[in-house]
Amino acid sequence: FIWDSGGKNSISLETLSTPINEGGKNLLHLQHRNEAIELKWLRGLLAPLEKCPVWASFAQALLARHGQQSLVIKEKAKVHPFLQTWSPTLKKLPLNLKRILRVAKKHNLQWEILIAPTQVMSQLPAWFHIQWLKKVSQFLHVFM
């Protein structure tokens, strides 16, 4: 029997996924494989508009629609949770989109801009983009 528990005559998942030359069975670890697929989907969600798959446009709209409620950020201003300072509520999102966001969170995915060229800045959403947050927090830090 092949189990992931300590049962009688069982083989652990660790042994199953170990290469054959090291005494394992070289089977895929399904959880890791699924996570790799979700990371590929995430790459599609984060792609520039000209390379963005069709499904990602719908996903962006769903993320904006189910963004956390805010008195400051209106739904129409929500363009992309990875490029702006808002985040979506997972409850009402489709399962695949939830899984994509969870894997992004698990791997601490975030955009880091050290120096943003003008052409990149012009492509960011005008309101609540990540560079804006850095400037505002620096500004607030001066007065605190």
C-alpha atoms as a PDB file:
ATOM      1  CA  PHE A   1       0.000   0.000   0.000  1.00  0.00           C
ATOM      2  CA  ILE A   2       1.067   3.553  -0.619  1.00  0.00           C
ATOM      3  CA  TRP A   3      -0.016   5.912   2.139  1.00  0.00           C
ATOM      4  CA  ASP A   4       1.039   9.192   3.645  1.00  0.00           C
ATOM      5  CA  SER A   5       0.397   7.936   7.155  1.00  0.00           C
ATOM      6  CA  GLY A   6       2.109   5.599   9.544  1.00  0.00           C
ATOM      7  CA  GLY A   7       0.150   2.468   8.654  1.00  0.00           C
ATOM      8  CA  LYS A   8       1.172  -1.169   8.327  1.00  0.00           C
ATOM      9  CA  ASN A   9       3.118  -1.943   5.113  1.00  0.00           C
ATOM     10  CA  SER A  10       3.048   1.648   3.914  1.00  0.00           C
ATOM     11  CA  ILE A  11       5.539   3.663   1.874  1.00  0.00           C
ATOM     12  CA  SER A  12       5.976   7.322   2.743  1.00  0.00           C
ATOM     13  CA  LEU A  13       5.530  10.081   0.159  1.00  0.00           C
ATOM     14  CA  GLU A  14       9.131  11.082   0.792  1.00  0.00           C
ATOM     15  CA  THR A  15      10.306   7.633  -0.318  1.00  0.00           C
ATOM     16  CA  LEU A  16       7.959   7.641  -3.305  1.00  0.00           C
ATOM     17  CA  SER A  17       9.247  10.966  -4.591  1.00  0.00           C
ATOM     18  CA  THR A  18      12.917  10.088  -4.044  1.00  0.00           C
ATOM     19  CA  PRO A  19      14.840   9.248  -7.258  1.00  0.00           C
ATOM     20  CA  ILE A  20      15.120   5.542  -8.120  1.00  0.00           C
ATOM     21  CA  ASN A  21      18.925   5.538  -7.823  1.00  0.00           C
ATOM     22  CA  GLU A  22      18.474   6.684  -4.191  1.00  0.00           C
ATOM     23  CA  GLY A  23      15.996   3.895  -3.359  1.00  0.00           C
ATOM     24  CA  GLY A  24      12.733   5.714  -4.161  1.00  0.00           C
ATOM     25  CA  LYS A  25      10.078   5.336  -6.834  1.00  0.00           C
ATOM     26  CA  ASN A  26      10.597   8.739  -8.545  1.00  0.00           C
ATOM     27  CA  LEU A  27       6.870   9.555  -8.465  1.00  0.00           C
ATOM     28  CA  LEU A  28       5.683  13.157  -8.745  1.00  0.00           C
ATOM     29  CA  HIS A  29       4.752  14.832  -5.506  1.00  0.00           C
ATOM     30  CA  LEU A  30       1.245  15.949  -6.475  1.00  0.00           C
ATOM     31  CA  GLN A  31       1.062  18.826  -4.002  1.00  0.00           C
ATOM     32  CA  HIS A  32       4.328  20.286  -5.329  1.00  0.00           C
ATOM     33  CA  ARG A  33       3.213  19.713  -8.935  1.00  0.00           C
ATOM     34  CA  ASN A  34      -0.101  21.503  -8.321  1.00  0.00           C
ATOM     35  CA  GLU A  35       1.731  24.407  -6.717  1.00  0.00           C
ATOM     36  CA  ALA A  36       4.027  24.643  -9.752  1.00  0.00           C
ATOM     37  CA  ILE A  37       0.947  24.836 -12.005  1.00  0.00           C
ATOM     38  CA  GLU A  38      -0.553  27.567  -9.818  1.00  0.00           C
ATOM     39  CA  LEU A  39       2.721  29.522 -10.045  1.00  0.00           C
ATOM     40  CA  LYS A  40       2.530  29.293 -13.855  1.00  0.00           C
ATOM     41  CA  TRP A  41      -1.034  30.640 -13.712  1.00  0.00           C
ATOM     42  CA  LEU A  42       0.204  33.422 -11.446  1.00  0.00           C
ATOM     43  CA  ARG A  43       2.801  34.303 -14.054  1.00  0.00           C
ATOM     44  CA  GLY A  44      -0.045  34.696 -16.567  1.00  0.00           C
ATOM     45  CA  LEU A  45      -1.939  36.929 -14.148  1.00  0.00           C
ATOM     46  CA  LEU A  46       1.114  39.143 -13.667  1.00  0.00           C
ATOM     47  CA  ALA A  47       2.094  39.326 -17.345  1.00  0.00           C
ATOM     48  CA  PRO A  48       2.128  42.704 -19.145  1.00  0.00           C
ATOM     49  CA  LEU A  49      -1.096  43.493 -21.032  1.00  0.00           C
ATOM     50  CA  GLU A  50       0.320  42.571 -24.441  1.00  0.00           C
ATOM     51  CA  LYS A  51       1.371  39.117 -23.147  1.00  0.00           C
ATOM     52  CA  CYS A  52      -1.533  38.610 -20.760  1.00  0.00           C
ATOM     53  CA  PRO A  53      -3.751  35.547 -21.435  1.00  0.00           C
ATOM     54  CA  VAL A  54      -7.454  36.226 -22.059  1.00  0.00           C
ATOM     55  CA  TRP A  55      -8.547  34.628 -18.782  1.00  0.00           C
ATOM     56  CA  ALA A  56      -6.369  37.052 -16.798  1.00  0.00           C
ATOM     57  CA  SER A  57      -8.545  40.033 -17.822  1.00  0.00           C
ATOM     58  CA  PHE A  58     -11.566  38.322 -16.308  1.00  0.00           C
ATOM     59  CA  ALA A  59      -9.550  37.379 -13.237  1.00  0.00           C
ATOM     60  CA  GLN A  60      -8.490  41.037 -12.784  1.00  0.00           C
ATOM     61  CA  ALA A  61     -12.141  42.108 -12.936  1.00  0.00           C
ATOM     62  CA  LEU A  62     -13.116  39.487 -10.343  1.00  0.00           C
ATOM     63  CA  LEU A  63     -10.284  40.541  -8.059  1.00  0.00           C
ATOM     64  CA  ALA A  64     -11.360  44.183  -8.269  1.00  0.00           C
ATOM     65  CA  ARG A  65     -14.995  43.313  -7.679  1.00  0.00           C
ATOM     66  CA  HIS A  66     -14.120  41.287  -4.600  1.00  0.00           C
ATOM     67  CA  GLY A  67     -11.486  43.653  -3.256  1.00  0.00           C
ATOM     68  CA  GLN A  68     -11.666  44.464   0.421  1.00  0.00           C
ATOM     69  CA  GLN A  69     -14.137  47.238   1.134  1.00  0.00           C
ATOM     70  CA  SER A  70     -12.538  50.636   1.466  1.00  0.00           C
ATOM     71  CA  LEU A  71     -13.853  54.137   1.946  1.00  0.00           C
ATOM     72  CA  VAL A  72     -10.835  55.490   0.078  1.00  0.00           C
ATOM     73  CA  ILE A  73     -10.391  53.074  -2.847  1.00  0.00           C
ATOM     74  CA  LYS A  74     -13.450  52.727  -5.076  1.00  0.00           C
ATOM     75  CA  GLU A  75     -13.977  49.618  -7.229  1.00  0.00           C
ATOM     76  CA  LYS A  76     -13.304  51.513 -10.472  1.00  0.00           C
ATOM     77  CA  ALA A  77      -9.876  52.552  -9.154  1.00  0.00           C
ATOM     78  CA  LYS A  78      -8.909  48.948  -8.408  1.00  0.00           C
ATOM     79  CA  VAL A  79      -6.784  47.782 -11.303  1.00  0.00           C
ATOM     80  CA  HIS A  80      -4.390  45.144  -9.957  1.00  0.00           C
ATOM     81  CA  PRO A  81      -3.810  43.951  -6.376  1.00  0.00           C
ATOM     82  CA  PHE A  82      -0.116  43.264  -7.018  1.00  0.00           C
ATOM     83  CA  LEU A  83       0.480  46.743  -8.416  1.00  0.00           C
ATOM     84  CA  GLN A  84      -1.682  48.646  -5.953  1.00  0.00           C
ATOM     85  CA  THR A  85      -2.148  48.841  -2.201  1.00  0.00           C
ATOM     86  CA  TRP A  86      -5.477  46.943  -1.950  1.00  0.00           C
ATOM     87  CA  SER A  87      -6.046  43.214  -1.666  1.00  0.00           C
ATOM     88  CA  PRO A  88      -8.992  40.994  -2.622  1.00  0.00           C
ATOM     89  CA  THR A  89     -11.246  39.091  -0.238  1.00  0.00           C
ATOM     90  CA  LEU A  90     -10.824  35.397  -0.958  1.00  0.00           C
ATOM     91  CA  LYS A  91     -14.278  34.259   0.209  1.00  0.00           C
ATOM     92  CA  LYS A  92     -16.198  34.941  -2.990  1.00  0.00           C
ATOM     93  CA  LEU A  93     -13.474  34.214  -5.535  1.00  0.00           C
ATOM     94  CA  PRO A  94     -13.459  31.059  -7.699  1.00  0.00           C
ATOM     95  CA  LEU A  95     -11.362  28.207  -6.303  1.00  0.00           C
ATOM     96  CA  ASN A  96      -8.578  28.452  -8.915  1.00  0.00           C
ATOM     97  CA  LEU A  97      -8.145  32.179  -8.297  1.00  0.00           C
ATOM     98  CA  LYS A  98      -8.043  31.576  -4.530  1.00  0.00           C
ATOM     99  CA  ARG A  99      -5.345  28.972  -5.033  1.00  0.00           C
ATOM    100  CA  ILE A 100      -3.292  31.329  -7.209  1.00  0.00           C
ATOM    101  CA  LEU A 101      -3.465  34.066  -4.559  1.00  0.00           C
ATOM    102  CA  ARG A 102      -2.625  31.637  -1.758  1.00  0.00           C
ATOM    103  CA  VAL A 103       0.488  30.408  -3.553  1.00  0.00           C
ATOM    104  CA  ALA A 104       1.501  34.055  -4.156  1.00  0.00           C
ATOM    105  CA  LYS A 105       1.103  34.734  -0.447  1.00  0.00           C
ATOM    106  CA  LYS A 106       2.925  31.535   0.522  1.00  0.00           C
ATOM    107  CA  HIS A 107       5.949  32.596  -1.527  1.00  0.00           C
ATOM    108  CA  ASN A 108       5.645  36.231  -0.391  1.00  0.00           C
ATOM    109  CA  LEU A 109       5.202  37.544  -3.926  1.00  0.00           C
ATOM    110  CA  GLN A 110       5.455  41.311  -4.176  1.00  0.00           C
ATOM    111  CA  TRP A 111       6.701  43.859  -6.651  1.00  0.00           C
ATOM    112  CA  GLU A 112       9.884  45.585  -5.633  1.00  0.00           C
ATOM    113  CA  ILE A 113      10.767  48.777  -7.432  1.00  0.00           C
ATOM    114  CA  LEU A 114      14.091  50.290  -6.476  1.00  0.00           C
ATOM    115  CA  ILE A 115      14.056  53.020  -9.100  1.00  0.00           C
ATOM    116  CA  ALA A 116      11.044  53.239 -11.360  1.00  0.00           C
ATOM    117  CA  PRO A 117      11.787  54.638 -14.820  1.00  0.00           C
ATOM    118  CA  THR A 118       9.293  57.215 -16.117  1.00  0.00           C
ATOM    119  CA  GLN A 119       7.936  54.831 -18.748  1.00  0.00           C
ATOM    120  CA  VAL A 120       7.203  52.204 -16.058  1.00  0.00           C
ATOM    121  CA  MET A 121       5.607  54.792 -13.777  1.00  0.00           C
ATOM    122  CA  SER A 122       3.370  55.931 -16.628  1.00  0.00           C
ATOM    123  CA  GLN A 123       2.082  52.361 -17.011  1.00  0.00           C
ATOM    124  CA  LEU A 124       1.201  51.939 -13.327  1.00  0.00           C
ATOM    125  CA  PRO A 125      -2.356  52.693 -12.197  1.00  0.00           C
ATOM    126  CA  ALA A 126      -2.639  56.381 -11.349  1.00  0.00           C
ATOM    127  CA  TRP A 127      -4.060  55.776  -7.870  1.00  0.00           C
ATOM    128  CA  PHE A 128      -2.815  53.635  -5.007  1.00  0.00           C
ATOM    129  CA  HIS A 129       0.099  52.076  -6.875  1.00  0.00           C
ATOM    130  CA  ILE A 130       2.993  50.502  -5.011  1.00  0.00           C
ATOM    131  CA  GLN A 131       5.441  53.349  -5.623  1.00  0.00           C
ATOM    132  CA  TRP A 132       2.796  55.776  -4.317  1.00  0.00           C
ATOM    133  CA  LEU A 133       2.618  53.829  -1.048  1.00  0.00           C
ATOM    134  CA  LYS A 134       6.393  54.085  -0.575  1.00  0.00           C
ATOM    135  CA  LYS A 135       6.338  57.849  -1.114  1.00  0.00           C
ATOM    136  CA  VAL A 136       3.356  58.373   1.200  1.00  0.00           C
ATOM    137  CA  SER A 137       4.868  56.223   3.946  1.00  0.00           C
ATOM    138  CA  GLN A 138       8.153  58.136   3.692  1.00  0.00           C
ATOM    139  CA  PHE A 139       6.210  61.391   3.869  1.00  0.00           C
ATOM    140  CA  LEU A 140       4.209  60.237   6.890  1.00  0.00           C
ATOM    141  CA  HIS A 141       7.348  58.936   8.583  1.00  0.00           C
ATOM    142  CA  VAL A 142       8.887  62.437   8.408  1.00  0.00           C
ATOM    143  CA  PHE A 143       5.959  63.894  10.364  1.00  0.00           C
ATOM    144  CA  MET A 144       5.638  61.114  12.949  1.00  0.00           C
END
